[in-house]
Amino acid sequence: MRQGMGGWLLAIILSVLSSLVIGLSLVWLNIERMDMAYNLRRMQGELEDRQSLKAKLEVERDRLLSPYELGRKAVALGMRDARQGQIRRLGDGGL
């Protein structure tokens, strides 16, 4: 009878220990999942911010490179159109 109880006691102890290990593993995995979700949300926000900034910079670049803006800047810097013969065009061979 004594030996039969020892087997049951060992089985119960092993069962409790394995349940504890499984429970702690589940808690740890849940914490990791939440951490990943937080990082993913943060990175998605960062991506949206960068995409928004890129769009704003493209609009600004297009505005600065517009013929009207370039002409205004050229007048402010004292530039004018080139006279006949001032511009030389090179062939595809270079110099």
N, C-alpha and C. Protein backbone atom coordinates (compact mmCIF):
# COMPACT_ATOMS: atom_id res chain seq x y z
N MET A 1 0.83 -1.19 0.00
CA MET A 1 0.00 0.00 0.00
C MET A 1 0.86 1.25 0.00
N ARG A 2 1.93 1.18 0.73
CA ARG A 2 2.83 2.33 0.85
C ARG A 2 3.47 2.64 -0.50
N GLN A 3 3.86 1.59 -1.22
CA GLN A 3 4.53 1.79 -2.50
C GLN A 3 3.53 2.33 -3.54
N GLY A 4 2.32 1.96 -3.48
CA GLY A 4 1.28 2.45 -4.39
C GLY A 4 1.04 3.93 -4.19
N MET A 5 1.06 4.40 -2.94
CA MET A 5 0.87 5.82 -2.64
C MET A 5 2.05 6.65 -3.13
N GLY A 6 3.25 6.08 -3.05
CA GLY A 6 4.43 6.79 -3.52
C GLY A 6 4.37 7.05 -5.01
N GLY A 7 3.84 6.10 -5.75
CA GLY A 7 3.70 6.27 -7.20
C GLY A 7 2.71 7.37 -7.55
N TRP A 8 1.60 7.38 -6.79
CA TRP A 8 0.60 8.43 -7.01
C TRP A 8 1.15 9.79 -6.65
N LEU A 9 1.86 9.85 -5.56
CA LEU A 9 2.44 11.12 -5.10
C LEU A 9 3.44 11.65 -6.14
N LEU A 10 4.26 10.76 -6.66
CA LEU A 10 5.22 11.15 -7.69
C LEU A 10 4.49 11.64 -8.95
N ALA A 11 3.43 10.95 -9.32
CA ALA A 11 2.66 11.34 -10.50
C ALA A 11 2.02 12.72 -10.30
N ILE A 12 1.50 12.97 -9.11
CA ILE A 12 0.88 14.26 -8.81
C ILE A 12 1.93 15.37 -8.83
N ILE A 13 3.09 15.11 -8.22
CA ILE A 13 4.16 16.12 -8.19
C ILE A 13 4.62 16.44 -9.62
N LEU A 14 4.83 15.40 -10.43
CA LEU A 14 5.24 15.62 -11.82
C LEU A 14 4.17 16.37 -12.61
N SER A 15 2.92 16.04 -12.34
CA SER A 15 1.81 16.71 -13.02
C SER A 15 1.76 18.20 -12.65
N VAL A 16 1.92 18.49 -11.36
CA VAL A 16 1.91 19.89 -10.90
C VAL A 16 3.10 20.65 -11.49
N LEU A 17 4.28 20.03 -11.48
CA LEU A 17 5.46 20.69 -12.04
C LEU A 17 5.32 20.95 -13.54
N SER A 18 4.81 19.96 -14.26
CA SER A 18 4.64 20.16 -15.71
C SER A 18 3.58 21.23 -15.98
N SER A 19 2.52 21.25 -15.18
CA SER A 19 1.49 22.29 -15.33
C SER A 19 2.08 23.66 -15.05
N LEU A 20 2.93 23.75 -14.04
CA LEU A 20 3.58 25.02 -13.71
C LEU A 20 4.49 25.48 -14.85
N VAL A 21 5.26 24.56 -15.40
CA VAL A 21 6.15 24.91 -16.51
C VAL A 21 5.34 25.35 -17.73
N ILE A 22 4.29 24.63 -18.04
CA ILE A 22 3.44 25.00 -19.18
C ILE A 22 2.78 26.36 -18.94
N GLY A 23 2.30 26.59 -17.73
CA GLY A 23 1.68 27.88 -17.40
C GLY A 23 2.65 29.03 -17.54
N LEU A 24 3.87 28.85 -17.00
CA LEU A 24 4.87 29.91 -17.11
C LEU A 24 5.28 30.14 -18.56
N SER A 25 5.33 29.06 -19.34
CA SER A 25 5.66 29.20 -20.76
C SER A 25 4.59 30.00 -21.48
N LEU A 26 3.33 29.73 -21.18
CA LEU A 26 2.24 30.47 -21.80
C LEU A 26 2.28 31.95 -21.43
N VAL A 27 2.57 32.24 -20.16
CA VAL A 27 2.68 33.64 -19.73
C VAL A 27 3.82 34.33 -20.47
N TRP A 28 4.96 33.66 -20.57
CA TRP A 28 6.12 34.23 -21.26
C TRP A 28 5.81 34.49 -22.73
N LEU A 29 5.15 33.51 -23.40
CA LEU A 29 4.80 33.69 -24.80
C LEU A 29 3.81 34.83 -25.00
N ASN A 30 2.88 35.00 -24.06
CA ASN A 30 1.93 36.10 -24.16
C ASN A 30 2.64 37.44 -24.01
N ILE A 31 3.60 37.51 -23.10
CA ILE A 31 4.37 38.75 -22.93
C ILE A 31 5.15 39.06 -24.21
N GLU A 32 5.76 38.05 -24.80
CA GLU A 32 6.51 38.25 -26.05
C GLU A 32 5.58 38.69 -27.18
N ARG A 33 4.39 38.11 -27.22
CA ARG A 33 3.42 38.48 -28.26
C ARG A 33 3.00 39.94 -28.11
N MET A 34 2.76 40.36 -26.88
CA MET A 34 2.38 41.75 -26.63
C MET A 34 3.53 42.70 -26.98
N ASP A 35 4.75 42.29 -26.67
CA ASP A 35 5.91 43.11 -26.99
C ASP A 35 6.06 43.26 -28.50
N MET A 36 5.85 42.16 -29.23
CA MET A 36 5.93 42.22 -30.70
C MET A 36 4.83 43.11 -31.26
N ALA A 37 3.63 43.00 -30.71
CA ALA A 37 2.52 43.83 -31.18
C ALA A 37 2.82 45.31 -30.95
N TYR A 38 3.39 45.63 -29.79
CA TYR A 38 3.76 47.01 -29.49
C TYR A 38 4.80 47.51 -30.48
N ASN A 39 5.84 46.71 -30.74
CA ASN A 39 6.88 47.11 -31.68
C ASN A 39 6.33 47.27 -33.10
N LEU A 40 5.44 46.37 -33.49
CA LEU A 40 4.83 46.45 -34.82
C LEU A 40 4.01 47.73 -34.96
N ARG A 41 3.23 48.06 -33.94
CA ARG A 41 2.42 49.28 -33.96
C ARG A 41 3.32 50.51 -34.04
N ARG A 42 4.41 50.51 -33.30
CA ARG A 42 5.35 51.63 -33.31
C ARG A 42 6.00 51.77 -34.69
N MET A 43 6.40 50.65 -35.28
CA MET A 43 7.04 50.70 -36.60
C MET A 43 6.06 51.12 -37.69
N GLN A 44 4.79 50.71 -37.56
CA GLN A 44 3.79 51.14 -38.54
C GLN A 44 3.58 52.65 -38.46
N GLY A 45 3.55 53.19 -37.25
CA GLY A 45 3.43 54.64 -37.09
C GLY A 45 4.63 55.36 -37.68
N GLU A 46 5.81 54.81 -37.45
CA GLU A 46 7.03 55.41 -38.00
C GLU A 46 7.01 55.37 -39.52
N LEU A 47 6.55 54.26 -40.10
CA LEU A 47 6.45 54.14 -41.55
C LEU A 47 5.48 55.18 -42.12
N GLU A 48 4.33 55.34 -41.47
CA GLU A 48 3.35 56.33 -41.93
C GLU A 48 3.93 57.74 -41.85
N ASP A 49 4.66 58.03 -40.77
CA ASP A 49 5.28 59.35 -40.64
C ASP A 49 6.29 59.59 -41.75
N ARG A 50 7.10 58.58 -42.06
CA ARG A 50 8.11 58.73 -43.12
C ARG A 50 7.46 58.86 -44.49
N GLN A 51 6.39 58.12 -44.73
CA GLN A 51 5.69 58.24 -46.01
C GLN A 51 5.08 59.63 -46.16
N SER A 52 4.53 60.15 -45.08
CA SER A 52 3.97 61.49 -45.10
C SER A 52 5.05 62.53 -45.37
N LEU A 53 6.19 62.39 -44.69
CA LEU A 53 7.30 63.32 -44.90
C LEU A 53 7.81 63.23 -46.34
N LYS A 54 7.89 62.03 -46.88
CA LYS A 54 8.35 61.86 -48.27
C LYS A 54 7.41 62.58 -49.23
N ALA A 55 6.11 62.43 -49.02
CA ALA A 55 5.13 63.10 -49.89
C ALA A 55 5.28 64.61 -49.80
N LYS A 56 5.46 65.14 -48.59
CA LYS A 56 5.64 66.58 -48.41
C LYS A 56 6.91 67.06 -49.09
N LEU A 57 7.99 66.29 -48.97
CA LEU A 57 9.25 66.68 -49.60
C LEU A 57 9.16 66.64 -51.12
N GLU A 58 8.42 65.67 -51.66
CA GLU A 58 8.24 65.61 -53.12
C GLU A 58 7.46 66.82 -53.62
N VAL A 59 6.43 67.22 -52.88
CA VAL A 59 5.66 68.41 -53.26
C VAL A 59 6.55 69.64 -53.21
N GLU A 60 7.35 69.77 -52.17
CA GLU A 60 8.26 70.91 -52.04
C GLU A 60 9.30 70.92 -53.16
N ARG A 61 9.86 69.75 -53.49
CA ARG A 61 10.83 69.66 -54.59
C ARG A 61 10.19 70.09 -55.90
N ASP A 62 8.99 69.59 -56.17
CA ASP A 62 8.31 69.96 -57.41
C ASP A 62 8.03 71.46 -57.46
N ARG A 63 7.68 72.03 -56.33
CA ARG A 63 7.43 73.47 -56.29
C ARG A 63 8.71 74.25 -56.57
N LEU A 64 9.81 73.83 -55.94
CA LEU A 64 11.08 74.54 -56.13
C LEU A 64 11.63 74.38 -57.54
N LEU A 65 11.33 73.28 -58.21
CA LEU A 65 11.83 73.05 -59.57
C LEU A 65 10.87 73.52 -60.65
N SER A 66 9.77 74.16 -60.26
CA SER A 66 8.82 74.64 -61.26
C SER A 66 9.46 75.77 -62.06
N PRO A 67 9.11 75.89 -63.35
CA PRO A 67 9.69 76.95 -64.18
C PRO A 67 9.48 78.35 -63.59
N TYR A 68 8.31 78.59 -63.02
CA TYR A 68 8.04 79.90 -62.44
C TYR A 68 9.02 80.20 -61.31
N GLU A 69 9.20 79.25 -60.41
CA GLU A 69 10.09 79.44 -59.26
C GLU A 69 11.54 79.58 -59.71
N LEU A 70 11.97 78.77 -60.68
CA LEU A 70 13.34 78.87 -61.19
C LEU A 70 13.56 80.21 -61.88
N GLY A 71 12.57 80.68 -62.64
CA GLY A 71 12.69 81.99 -63.29
C GLY A 71 12.79 83.11 -62.28
N ARG A 72 11.99 83.04 -61.25
CA ARG A 72 12.03 84.06 -60.18
C ARG A 72 13.40 84.07 -59.51
N LYS A 73 13.93 82.89 -59.23
CA LYS A 73 15.23 82.77 -58.58
C LYS A 73 16.34 83.31 -59.49
N ALA A 74 16.23 83.01 -60.80
CA ALA A 74 17.24 83.48 -61.75
C ALA A 74 17.24 85.00 -61.82
N VAL A 75 16.08 85.62 -61.84
CA VAL A 75 16.00 87.09 -61.85
C VAL A 75 16.61 87.65 -60.58
N ALA A 76 16.31 87.03 -59.44
CA ALA A 76 16.85 87.51 -58.16
C ALA A 76 18.37 87.41 -58.13
N LEU A 77 18.94 86.43 -58.83
CA LEU A 77 20.40 86.25 -58.86
C LEU A 77 21.06 87.00 -60.01
N GLY A 78 20.27 87.72 -60.80
CA GLY A 78 20.84 88.50 -61.90
C GLY A 78 21.16 87.66 -63.13
N MET A 79 20.56 86.54 -63.28
CA MET A 79 20.81 85.69 -64.44
C MET A 79 19.88 86.08 -65.58
N ARG A 80 20.29 85.79 -66.79
CA ARG A 80 19.45 86.05 -67.96
C ARG A 80 19.68 84.94 -68.98
N ASP A 81 18.87 84.94 -70.03
CA ASP A 81 19.01 83.92 -71.07
C ASP A 81 20.35 84.09 -71.77
N ALA A 82 20.90 82.98 -72.22
CA ALA A 82 22.18 83.01 -72.94
C ALA A 82 21.98 83.62 -74.33
N ARG A 83 22.99 84.38 -74.76
CA ARG A 83 22.95 84.97 -76.10
C ARG A 83 23.35 83.94 -77.14
N GLN A 84 23.09 84.27 -78.37
CA GLN A 84 23.44 83.39 -79.49
C GLN A 84 24.93 83.09 -79.48
N GLY A 85 25.30 81.82 -79.54
CA GLY A 85 26.70 81.42 -79.60
C GLY A 85 27.36 81.19 -78.25
N GLN A 86 26.67 81.50 -77.16
CA GLN A 86 27.26 81.29 -75.84
C GLN A 86 27.17 79.83 -75.39
N ILE A 87 26.26 79.09 -75.94
CA ILE A 87 26.07 77.70 -75.52
C ILE A 87 26.62 76.79 -76.60
N ARG A 88 27.47 75.89 -76.22
CA ARG A 88 28.03 74.91 -77.15
C ARG A 88 27.53 73.53 -76.74
N ARG A 89 27.09 72.80 -77.70
CA ARG A 89 26.59 71.45 -77.43
C ARG A 89 27.64 70.44 -77.85
N LEU A 90 27.91 69.48 -76.99
CA LEU A 90 28.89 68.44 -77.28
C LEU A 90 28.16 67.21 -77.81
N GLY A 91 28.83 66.47 -78.64
CA GLY A 91 28.25 65.24 -79.15
C GLY A 91 28.24 64.16 -78.08
N ASP A 92 27.81 62.99 -78.44
CA ASP A 92 27.75 61.87 -77.50
C ASP A 92 29.13 61.42 -77.07
N GLY A 93 30.17 61.73 -77.84
CA GLY A 93 31.53 61.31 -77.52
C GLY A 93 32.16 62.09 -76.38
N GLY A 94 31.51 63.13 -75.91
CA GLY A 94 32.08 63.93 -74.82
C GLY A 94 32.98 65.01 -75.36
N LEU A 95 34.09 65.29 -74.71
CA LEU A 95 35.00 66.36 -75.12
C LEU A 95 35.71 66.00 -76.34
